Amino acid sequence: MQSLAVVLICALGAKAEIPTWDASCVGCPLKSLADHKVESADGFLATTLTVDVITLKTPNTTFKTRAYNGALGGPRLVLQAGDRVELTLVNNLEDRDNTGEWNQPRKPNTTNLHLHGMHI
């Protein structure tokens, strides 16, 4: 009997040690983000995702973005067919700012939980 695996990827599917900018490497292949996975055990996977805002800096700009569990992206959740999942999302983002012009970037204050892949 063949075992079927279901892979759920939350957020970007990876957690990063934030790569630094190297201007001498324009056109070089992109570096992969570290693959941080959480695997089910005995038919069950329980984990917590905490979303916050972090500030990233490059030589030319500084910007804010969402971080999951303190880093860019989130873990890759790996389960077997039939496993149960308990996922807690802790949203530490600021309340929505409803003032001012809406036709511009806003505070990164929303999130959702969605799936990519579902490879079976």
Protein backbone atom coordinates (compact mmCIF):
# COMPACT_ATOMS: atom_id res chain seq x y z
CA MET A 1 0.00 0.00 0.00
CA GLN A 2 1.40 3.37 -1.00
CA SER A 3 1.52 6.18 1.56
CA LEU A 4 0.03 9.47 0.40
CA ALA A 5 1.41 12.74 1.73
CA VAL A 6 -0.43 16.03 1.84
CA VAL A 7 1.72 19.13 1.95
CA LEU A 8 0.24 22.38 3.19
CA ILE A 9 2.29 25.49 2.65
CA CYS A 10 1.42 28.43 4.88
CA ALA A 11 2.35 31.95 3.92
CA LEU A 12 5.40 31.80 1.66
CA GLY A 13 6.23 28.23 2.59
CA ALA A 14 9.61 29.05 4.07
CA LYS A 15 11.27 30.83 6.92
CA ALA A 16 14.22 33.01 6.08
CA GLU A 17 17.44 34.11 7.47
CA ILE A 18 16.96 37.37 5.57
CA PRO A 19 19.39 37.36 2.63
CA THR A 20 21.62 40.39 2.15
CA TRP A 21 21.89 42.40 -1.06
CA ASP A 22 25.00 41.88 -3.17
CA ALA A 23 25.15 44.42 -6.01
CA SER A 24 28.00 42.49 -7.67
CA CYS A 25 25.66 39.57 -8.21
CA VAL A 26 23.07 41.17 -10.50
CA GLY A 27 21.77 38.37 -12.72
CA CYS A 28 22.96 35.60 -10.39
CA PRO A 29 20.56 32.78 -9.50
CA LEU A 30 18.24 33.53 -6.61
CA LYS A 31 19.10 31.99 -3.26
CA SER A 32 16.49 29.68 -1.80
CA LEU A 33 14.96 30.47 1.55
CA ALA A 34 15.58 27.98 4.31
CA ASP A 35 12.95 25.23 4.39
CA HIS A 36 11.45 25.05 7.86
CA LYS A 37 8.93 22.28 8.01
CA VAL A 38 6.65 20.96 10.70
CA GLU A 39 5.64 17.32 10.29
CA SER A 40 2.73 15.41 11.74
CA ALA A 41 3.32 12.61 14.22
CA ASP A 42 0.94 9.79 15.06
CA GLY A 43 -1.73 11.25 12.78
CA PHE A 44 -1.75 14.75 14.31
CA LEU A 45 -0.07 18.08 13.68
CA ALA A 46 -0.43 21.01 16.09
CA THR A 47 1.40 24.30 15.58
CA THR A 48 1.06 28.05 16.08
CA LEU A 49 1.66 30.77 13.51
CA THR A 50 2.27 34.24 14.95
CA VAL A 51 2.08 37.11 12.45
CA ASP A 52 3.88 40.39 13.18
CA VAL A 53 5.36 43.28 11.17
CA ILE A 54 9.13 43.38 10.64
CA THR A 55 11.34 46.00 9.01
CA LEU A 56 13.72 44.87 6.26
CA LYS A 57 16.61 46.98 4.97
CA THR A 58 18.47 46.89 1.67
CA PRO A 59 21.17 49.36 0.59
CA ASN A 60 18.55 51.41 -1.27
CA THR A 61 15.38 51.11 0.79
CA THR A 62 13.74 50.13 4.04
CA PHE A 63 10.30 48.54 4.12
CA LYS A 64 7.89 46.78 6.42
CA THR A 65 6.33 43.42 5.73
CA ARG A 66 4.58 40.59 7.53
CA ALA A 67 6.62 37.97 9.34
CA TYR A 68 5.45 34.57 10.55
CA ASN A 69 7.04 33.24 13.74
CA GLY A 70 9.58 36.07 13.59
CA ALA A 71 10.83 35.52 10.05
CA LEU A 72 9.89 36.10 6.45
CA GLY A 73 7.46 33.38 5.41
CA GLY A 74 6.02 30.54 7.39
CA PRO A 75 6.66 26.86 7.90
CA ARG A 76 5.84 24.10 5.46
CA LEU A 77 3.34 21.76 7.08
CA VAL A 78 3.74 18.12 6.07
CA LEU A 79 0.98 15.63 6.83
CA GLN A 80 -0.18 12.20 5.81
CA ALA A 81 -3.60 11.61 4.27
CA GLY A 82 -6.16 11.43 7.08
CA ASP A 83 -4.07 13.36 9.63
CA ARG A 84 -5.78 15.90 11.88
CA VAL A 85 -4.46 19.48 12.05
CA GLU A 86 -4.75 22.03 14.84
CA LEU A 87 -3.42 25.39 13.72
CA THR A 88 -3.53 28.49 15.92
CA LEU A 89 -3.06 31.87 14.23
CA VAL A 90 -1.94 34.69 16.55
CA ASN A 91 -2.48 38.01 14.74
CA ASN A 92 -0.28 40.74 16.24
CA LEU A 93 -0.89 43.17 13.36
CA GLU A 94 -2.11 46.69 14.12
CA ASP A 95 -5.73 47.67 13.69
CA ARG A 96 -6.70 48.94 10.25
CA ASP A 97 -6.13 52.65 9.62
CA ASN A 98 -9.32 53.88 7.95
CA THR A 99 -8.18 57.49 7.53
CA GLY A 100 -6.59 59.18 4.55
CA GLU A 101 -6.23 58.20 0.92
CA TRP A 102 -7.09 54.60 0.06
CA ASN A 103 -5.36 54.52 -3.33
CA GLN A 104 -1.91 53.87 -1.86
CA PRO A 105 -0.10 51.18 0.12
CA ARG A 106 -1.52 50.81 3.61
CA LYS A 107 -0.33 49.32 6.86
CA PRO A 108 0.23 45.57 6.43
CA ASN A 109 -2.61 44.90 8.83
CA THR A 110 -4.54 42.04 7.31
CA THR A 111 -3.82 38.37 6.97
CA ASN A 112 -5.58 35.20 5.99
CA LEU A 113 -4.87 31.53 6.18
CA HIS A 114 -4.86 29.77 2.84
CA LEU A 115 -3.33 26.73 1.21
CA HIS A 116 -0.94 26.27 -1.68
CA GLY A 117 -0.33 22.93 -3.28
CA MET A 118 -2.30 20.19 -1.56
CA HIS A 119 -0.04 17.69 -3.30
CA ILE A 120 -1.47 14.21 -2.87
